[in-house]
């Protein structure tokens, strides 16, 4: 159903929404939020047998962050079958839309339900096909180059590659 992406990718069901891009929104906020979330998602697991108090402190900080992020969760973000790559994202829309190849859009994507801060990714639609069974479009967008700086791109690639490896070991599922 999805096009082959140009880089490593994984298939999943993730909460996702898409809307036309508002050029007035600064990318810096989206970059900051994405970097914050991806650092958490790509950090190594905490050692469960750490008795020096560090684990307890980290757990308290994680809980504080989680409670703050929970307040930002968008309950209207529908689950969506998608393919996520390092430079592109493909998804099946659940609505008829007026998006066309070349349109700039913003995809709001929830990477992990334990950390409910959505990541906003500015994309340019590079492919649109109609899925024959549902009559809804399958869209593929390339992440806008201006969105990336070196550190953000590095943690994004680490996260995508990690999810790609997980997908090889087990079938796609909700994050």
Protein backbone atom coordinates (compact mmCIF):
# COMPACT_ATOMS: atom_id res chain seq x y z
CA UNK A 1 0.00 0.00 0.00
CA UNK A 2 2.85 2.42 0.82
CA UNK A 3 5.57 3.59 -1.53
CA UNK A 4 9.11 2.45 -0.84
CA UNK A 5 10.94 5.23 0.97
CA UNK A 6 14.44 6.27 -0.02
CA UNK A 7 15.97 5.39 3.39
CA UNK A 8 15.53 2.99 6.28
CA UNK A 9 11.93 3.05 7.47
CA UNK A 10 9.41 1.23 9.65
CA UNK A 11 5.68 0.62 9.46
CA UNK A 12 3.47 1.38 12.44
CA UNK A 13 0.10 2.62 13.60
CA UNK A 14 0.74 6.03 15.16
CA UNK A 15 -1.55 8.90 16.08
CA UNK A 16 -1.15 11.35 13.20
CA UNK A 17 -2.87 14.34 11.68
CA UNK A 18 -2.01 16.51 8.69
CA UNK A 19 -2.92 20.08 7.81
CA UNK A 20 -1.77 22.74 5.38
CA UNK A 21 1.36 24.49 6.58
CA UNK A 22 1.15 27.82 8.38
CA UNK A 23 4.32 29.52 7.20
CA UNK A 24 4.15 31.97 10.12
CA UNK A 25 4.89 29.28 12.72
CA UNK A 26 8.60 29.30 13.56
CA UNK A 27 10.43 26.01 13.14
CA UNK A 28 12.48 26.64 16.28
CA UNK A 29 9.64 25.61 18.60
CA UNK A 30 8.99 22.43 16.64
CA UNK A 31 12.70 21.64 16.57
CA UNK A 32 12.97 22.14 20.33
CA UNK A 33 9.98 19.90 21.08
CA UNK A 34 11.17 17.19 18.68
CA UNK A 35 14.70 17.26 20.14
CA UNK A 36 13.35 17.00 23.71
CA UNK A 37 11.16 14.02 22.91
CA UNK A 38 13.68 12.20 20.74
CA UNK A 39 16.39 12.48 23.39
CA UNK A 40 14.07 10.72 25.82
CA UNK A 41 13.07 8.07 23.29
CA UNK A 42 16.65 7.31 22.22
CA UNK A 43 18.21 7.32 25.70
CA UNK A 44 19.44 3.96 27.00
CA UNK A 45 17.19 2.20 29.49
CA UNK A 46 17.77 3.05 33.16
CA UNK A 47 19.45 0.29 35.15
CA UNK A 48 16.79 -1.25 37.43
CA UNK A 49 19.42 -2.26 40.03
CA UNK A 50 20.89 1.17 40.62
CA UNK A 51 20.80 1.77 44.38
CA UNK A 52 22.68 5.07 44.60
CA UNK A 53 19.53 7.20 44.39
CA UNK A 54 20.17 8.31 40.81
CA UNK A 55 17.45 6.05 39.45
CA UNK A 56 14.97 7.41 41.98
CA UNK A 57 15.80 10.98 41.05
CA UNK A 58 15.52 10.22 37.34
CA UNK A 59 12.16 8.53 37.92
CA UNK A 60 10.86 11.61 39.74
CA UNK A 61 12.05 13.86 36.94
CA UNK A 62 10.55 11.54 34.32
CA UNK A 63 7.23 11.58 36.18
CA UNK A 64 7.27 15.39 36.38
CA UNK A 65 7.97 15.67 32.67
CA UNK A 66 5.34 13.08 31.88
CA UNK A 67 2.66 14.92 33.85
CA UNK A 68 3.53 18.16 32.08
CA UNK A 69 3.44 16.50 28.67
CA UNK A 70 0.20 14.70 29.42
CA UNK A 71 -1.53 18.07 29.64
CA UNK A 72 -0.52 18.71 26.02
CA UNK A 73 -1.90 15.49 24.58
CA UNK A 74 -4.23 16.09 21.66
CA UNK A 75 -7.16 13.68 22.19
CA UNK A 76 -8.32 14.24 18.60
CA UNK A 77 -5.21 12.75 17.01
CA UNK A 78 -6.48 9.65 15.16
CA UNK A 79 -4.49 6.44 14.80
CA UNK A 80 -3.05 6.15 11.32
CA UNK A 81 -1.24 3.42 9.41
CA UNK A 82 2.04 4.95 8.32
CA UNK A 83 5.59 4.32 7.14
CA UNK A 84 8.21 6.52 8.76
CA UNK A 85 11.66 7.02 7.26
CA UNK A 86 14.62 9.24 7.94
CA UNK A 87 13.64 11.75 5.26
CA UNK A 88 10.05 10.85 4.30
CA UNK A 89 6.77 9.80 5.84
CA UNK A 90 3.92 8.00 4.08
CA UNK A 91 0.45 7.59 5.58
CA UNK A 92 -3.05 6.63 4.63
CA UNK A 93 -5.42 9.48 5.18
CA UNK A 94 -8.79 8.70 6.73
CA UNK A 95 -10.47 11.70 5.13
CA UNK A 96 -10.89 13.08 1.65
CA UNK A 97 -8.62 16.07 1.43
CA UNK A 98 -7.54 18.73 -1.02
CA UNK A 99 -3.81 18.08 -0.65
CA UNK A 100 -1.79 17.84 -3.85
CA UNK A 101 1.77 17.02 -4.83
CA UNK A 102 3.94 20.05 -4.02
CA UNK A 103 1.78 21.27 -1.11
CA UNK A 104 3.55 22.20 2.12
CA UNK A 105 1.91 20.54 5.12
CA UNK A 106 2.55 19.94 8.79
CA UNK A 107 2.16 16.41 10.10
CA UNK A 108 1.53 16.14 13.82
CA UNK A 109 2.82 12.73 14.93
CA UNK A 110 2.73 11.11 18.36
CA UNK A 111 5.91 9.02 18.51
CA UNK A 112 5.19 7.25 21.80
CA UNK A 113 2.02 7.27 23.91
CA UNK A 114 4.12 7.24 27.11
CA UNK A 115 5.49 10.64 26.09
CA UNK A 116 2.44 12.42 24.69
CA UNK A 117 4.20 15.40 23.17
CA UNK A 118 3.39 15.39 19.46
CA UNK A 119 6.17 16.12 17.01
CA UNK A 120 5.32 18.61 14.26
CA UNK A 121 7.08 17.78 11.00
CA UNK A 122 6.91 20.21 8.08
CA UNK A 123 6.64 18.22 4.84
CA UNK A 124 6.27 18.73 1.12
CA UNK A 125 3.88 16.22 -0.47
CA UNK A 126 5.89 14.27 -3.05
CA UNK A 127 3.36 11.55 -3.93
CA UNK A 128 -0.40 11.03 -3.67
CA UNK A 129 -2.28 7.91 -4.72
CA UNK A 130 -5.80 6.69 -4.02
CA UNK A 131 -6.02 3.41 -2.11
CA UNK A 132 -8.42 1.27 -4.13
CA UNK A 133 -10.12 -0.49 -1.19
CA UNK A 134 -10.84 2.60 0.91
CA UNK A 135 -10.89 5.37 -1.72
CA UNK A 136 -8.83 7.47 0.70
CA UNK A 137 -5.48 8.89 -0.37
CA UNK A 138 -2.10 7.49 0.54
CA UNK A 139 0.25 10.45 0.90
CA UNK A 140 4.02 10.59 0.99
CA UNK A 141 5.83 13.68 2.17
CA UNK A 142 9.48 14.66 2.37
CA UNK A 143 10.59 16.40 5.55
CA UNK A 144 11.54 20.01 4.77
CA UNK A 145 15.31 20.43 4.89
CA UNK A 146 15.04 23.69 6.90
CA UNK A 147 13.62 21.69 9.81
CA UNK A 148 16.86 19.82 10.48
CA UNK A 149 19.92 20.92 12.31
CA UNK A 150 22.74 18.44 12.96
CA UNK A 151 21.73 17.38 16.46
CA UNK A 152 18.04 17.03 15.66
CA UNK A 153 18.70 15.03 12.52
CA UNK A 154 21.07 12.74 14.44
CA UNK A 155 18.50 11.87 17.13
CA UNK A 156 15.72 11.47 14.52
CA UNK A 157 17.87 9.04 12.52
CA UNK A 158 18.77 7.14 15.70
CA UNK A 159 15.08 6.82 16.61
CA UNK A 160 13.98 5.74 13.11
CA UNK A 161 16.79 3.20 12.86
CA UNK A 162 15.92 1.83 16.31
CA UNK A 163 12.27 1.42 15.31
CA UNK A 164 13.36 -0.16 12.00
CA UNK A 165 15.39 -2.77 13.93
CA UNK A 166 12.43 -3.43 16.25
CA UNK A 167 10.21 -3.91 13.19
CA UNK A 168 12.53 -6.54 11.83
CA UNK A 169 12.18 -8.49 15.08
CA UNK A 170 8.38 -8.20 15.34
CA UNK A 171 5.37 -7.19 13.22
CA UNK A 172 4.18 -3.53 13.15
CA UNK A 173 2.11 -2.38 16.08
CA UNK A 174 1.00 0.76 17.85
CA UNK A 175 3.97 2.43 19.47
